[in-house]
Amino acid sequence: MRHGIVEELAKAQRVERIIDNICRPCADTDSLADLAQMVYLILLTYDAAKVVDLWQKGQMDFFIVRIVMNQYRSKNSPYYHALREFNARTAAPVTERNGGSTDEEG
């Protein structure tokens, strides 16, 4: 039953829409698809009875929002360690992107 619920969420792209509403204005949009995949993985590994209960009570969107917020904002989350921290460490310094020049003309 849990797999069917997650499949329905994926077909409707509900996780992606929630992520767009929460993260799009201030995020590196390249990694948001990875965040969605992490949320689906969390749902698939979460206690099946709790997922079914949340679905039947109509509380799934609230639960997904909480997962997204925890993954996106927490420095201890798998999303932070796997993607945001990696992107921050591998981003080229401004002088490197400007061809070694520090002035604005580059």
C-alpha atoms as a PDB file:
ATOM      1  CA  MET A   1       0.000   0.000   0.000  1.00  0.00           C
ATOM      2  CA  ARG A   2       2.847   2.407   0.866  1.00  0.00           C
ATOM      3  CA  HIS A   3       4.435   1.912  -2.554  1.00  0.00           C
ATOM      4  CA  GLY A   4       1.127   2.669  -4.250  1.00  0.00           C
ATOM      5  CA  ILE A   5       0.764   5.903  -2.278  1.00  0.00           C
ATOM      6  CA  VAL A   6       4.284   7.028  -3.177  1.00  0.00           C
ATOM      7  CA  GLU A   7       3.665   6.064  -6.803  1.00  0.00           C
ATOM      8  CA  GLU A   8       0.516   8.196  -6.857  1.00  0.00           C
ATOM      9  CA  LEU A   9       2.416  11.123  -5.302  1.00  0.00           C
ATOM     10  CA  ALA A  10       5.123  10.772  -7.953  1.00  0.00           C
ATOM     11  CA  LYS A  11       2.657  10.629 -10.846  1.00  0.00           C
ATOM     12  CA  ALA A  12       0.958  13.788  -9.583  1.00  0.00           C
ATOM     13  CA  GLN A  13       4.365  15.407  -8.907  1.00  0.00           C
ATOM     14  CA  ARG A  14       3.152  16.560  -5.513  1.00  0.00           C
ATOM     15  CA  VAL A  15       6.592  16.470  -3.924  1.00  0.00           C
ATOM     16  CA  GLU A  16       8.054  18.531  -6.758  1.00  0.00           C
ATOM     17  CA  ARG A  17       5.295  21.145  -6.450  1.00  0.00           C
ATOM     18  CA  ILE A  18       5.812  21.412  -2.700  1.00  0.00           C
ATOM     19  CA  ILE A  19       9.562  21.814  -3.220  1.00  0.00           C
ATOM     20  CA  ASP A  20       8.953  24.507  -5.838  1.00  0.00           C
ATOM     21  CA  ASN A  21       6.782  26.444  -3.401  1.00  0.00           C
ATOM     22  CA  ILE A  22       9.261  26.187  -0.552  1.00  0.00           C
ATOM     23  CA  CYS A  23      12.691  26.264  -2.165  1.00  0.00           C
ATOM     24  CA  ARG A  24      12.505  27.723  -5.662  1.00  0.00           C
ATOM     25  CA  PRO A  25      12.791  31.428  -4.744  1.00  0.00           C
ATOM     26  CA  CYS A  26      16.110  30.997  -2.949  1.00  0.00           C
ATOM     27  CA  ALA A  27      17.660  27.759  -4.162  1.00  0.00           C
ATOM     28  CA  ASP A  28      20.130  26.320  -6.572  1.00  0.00           C
ATOM     29  CA  THR A  29      17.482  24.853  -8.868  1.00  0.00           C
ATOM     30  CA  ASP A  30      19.775  22.135 -10.220  1.00  0.00           C
ATOM     31  CA  SER A  31      19.692  20.209  -6.949  1.00  0.00           C
ATOM     32  CA  LEU A  32      15.935  20.429  -6.307  1.00  0.00           C
ATOM     33  CA  ALA A  33      15.243  17.315  -8.393  1.00  0.00           C
ATOM     34  CA  ASP A  34      17.692  15.474  -6.142  1.00  0.00           C
ATOM     35  CA  LEU A  35      15.830  16.760  -3.099  1.00  0.00           C
ATOM     36  CA  ALA A  36      12.581  15.379  -4.535  1.00  0.00           C
ATOM     37  CA  GLN A  37      14.196  11.978  -5.027  1.00  0.00           C
ATOM     38  CA  MET A  38      15.433  12.016  -1.434  1.00  0.00           C
ATOM     39  CA  VAL A  39      11.915  12.792  -0.200  1.00  0.00           C
ATOM     40  CA  TYR A  40      10.502   9.872  -2.202  1.00  0.00           C
ATOM     41  CA  LEU A  41      13.192   7.600  -0.763  1.00  0.00           C
ATOM     42  CA  ILE A  42      12.338   8.738   2.769  1.00  0.00           C
ATOM     43  CA  LEU A  43       8.652   8.012   2.130  1.00  0.00           C
ATOM     44  CA  LEU A  44       9.468   4.566   0.751  1.00  0.00           C
ATOM     45  CA  THR A  45      11.575   3.670   3.785  1.00  0.00           C
ATOM     46  CA  TYR A  46       9.271   5.225   6.403  1.00  0.00           C
ATOM     47  CA  ASP A  47       6.984   3.021   8.497  1.00  0.00           C
ATOM     48  CA  ALA A  48       4.295   1.752   6.109  1.00  0.00           C
ATOM     49  CA  ALA A  49       1.481   1.974   8.662  1.00  0.00           C
ATOM     50  CA  LYS A  50       2.272   5.620   9.392  1.00  0.00           C
ATOM     51  CA  VAL A  51       2.395   6.505   5.683  1.00  0.00           C
ATOM     52  CA  VAL A  52      -0.986   4.842   5.096  1.00  0.00           C
ATOM     53  CA  ASP A  53      -2.439   6.568   8.165  1.00  0.00           C
ATOM     54  CA  LEU A  54      -1.216   9.994   7.005  1.00  0.00           C
ATOM     55  CA  TRP A  55      -2.650   9.343   3.541  1.00  0.00           C
ATOM     56  CA  GLN A  56      -6.044   8.257   4.871  1.00  0.00           C
ATOM     57  CA  LYS A  57      -6.272  11.271   7.184  1.00  0.00           C
ATOM     58  CA  GLY A  58      -5.368  13.674   4.359  1.00  0.00           C
ATOM     59  CA  GLN A  59      -2.200  14.798   6.137  1.00  0.00           C
ATOM     60  CA  MET A  60       0.372  13.635   3.586  1.00  0.00           C
ATOM     61  CA  ASP A  61       1.114  17.100   2.169  1.00  0.00           C
ATOM     62  CA  PHE A  62       1.843  18.453   5.652  1.00  0.00           C
ATOM     63  CA  PHE A  63       4.178  15.520   6.291  1.00  0.00           C
ATOM     64  CA  ILE A  64       5.963  16.093   2.977  1.00  0.00           C
ATOM     65  CA  VAL A  65       6.382  19.798   3.792  1.00  0.00           C
ATOM     66  CA  ARG A  66       8.004  18.854   7.076  1.00  0.00           C
ATOM     67  CA  ILE A  67      10.381  16.407   5.379  1.00  0.00           C
ATOM     68  CA  VAL A  68      11.324  19.014   2.755  1.00  0.00           C
ATOM     69  CA  MET A  69      11.937  21.692   5.364  1.00  0.00           C
ATOM     70  CA  ASN A  70      14.051  19.377   7.485  1.00  0.00           C
ATOM     71  CA  GLN A  71      16.108  18.193   4.527  1.00  0.00           C
ATOM     72  CA  TYR A  72      16.558  21.634   3.003  1.00  0.00           C
ATOM     73  CA  ARG A  73      17.335  23.639   6.128  1.00  0.00           C
ATOM     74  CA  SER A  74      19.131  21.235   8.451  1.00  0.00           C
ATOM     75  CA  LYS A  75      22.909  21.051   8.244  1.00  0.00           C
ATOM     76  CA  ASN A  76      22.656  17.477   9.543  1.00  0.00           C
ATOM     77  CA  SER A  77      20.360  16.204   6.791  1.00  0.00           C
ATOM     78  CA  PRO A  78      21.446  13.797   4.058  1.00  0.00           C
ATOM     79  CA  TYR A  79      20.454  16.396   1.445  1.00  0.00           C
ATOM     80  CA  TYR A  80      22.725  19.000   2.976  1.00  0.00           C
ATOM     81  CA  HIS A  81      25.691  16.659   3.175  1.00  0.00           C
ATOM     82  CA  ALA A  82      25.192  15.074  -0.219  1.00  0.00           C
ATOM     83  CA  LEU A  83      24.414  18.130  -2.305  1.00  0.00           C
ATOM     84  CA  ARG A  84      24.483  21.585  -0.752  1.00  0.00           C
ATOM     85  CA  GLU A  85      27.790  21.129   1.038  1.00  0.00           C
ATOM     86  CA  PHE A  86      29.319  19.528  -2.067  1.00  0.00           C
ATOM     87  CA  ASN A  87      28.102  22.376  -4.280  1.00  0.00           C
ATOM     88  CA  ALA A  88      29.423  24.981  -1.868  1.00  0.00           C
ATOM     89  CA  ARG A  89      32.862  23.371  -1.775  1.00  0.00           C
ATOM     90  CA  THR A  90      33.161  22.862  -5.512  1.00  0.00           C
ATOM     91  CA  ALA A  91      31.892  26.267  -6.644  1.00  0.00           C
ATOM     92  CA  ALA A  92      34.588  28.173  -8.488  1.00  0.00           C
ATOM     93  CA  PRO A  93      35.824  31.334  -6.777  1.00  0.00           C
ATOM     94  CA  VAL A  94      34.854  34.614  -8.436  1.00  0.00           C
ATOM     95  CA  THR A  95      38.395  35.259  -9.659  1.00  0.00           C
ATOM     96  CA  GLU A  96      38.518  31.847 -11.308  1.00  0.00           C
ATOM     97  CA  ARG A  97      35.199  32.413 -13.119  1.00  0.00           C
ATOM     98  CA  ASN A  98      36.461  35.796 -14.370  1.00  0.00           C
ATOM     99  CA  GLY A  99      39.527  34.241 -15.971  1.00  0.00           C
ATOM    100  CA  GLY A 100      41.830  35.148 -13.100  1.00  0.00           C
ATOM    101  CA  SER A 101      40.949  38.825 -13.132  1.00  0.00           C
ATOM    102  CA  THR A 102      39.552  40.429 -10.011  1.00  0.00           C
ATOM    103  CA  ASP A 103      38.112  43.461 -11.736  1.00  0.00           C
ATOM    104  CA  GLU A 104      34.601  43.577 -13.164  1.00  0.00           C
ATOM    105  CA  GLU A 105      35.735  43.713 -16.786  1.00  0.00           C
ATOM    106  CA  GLY A 106      37.256  40.211 -16.431  1.00  0.00           C
END
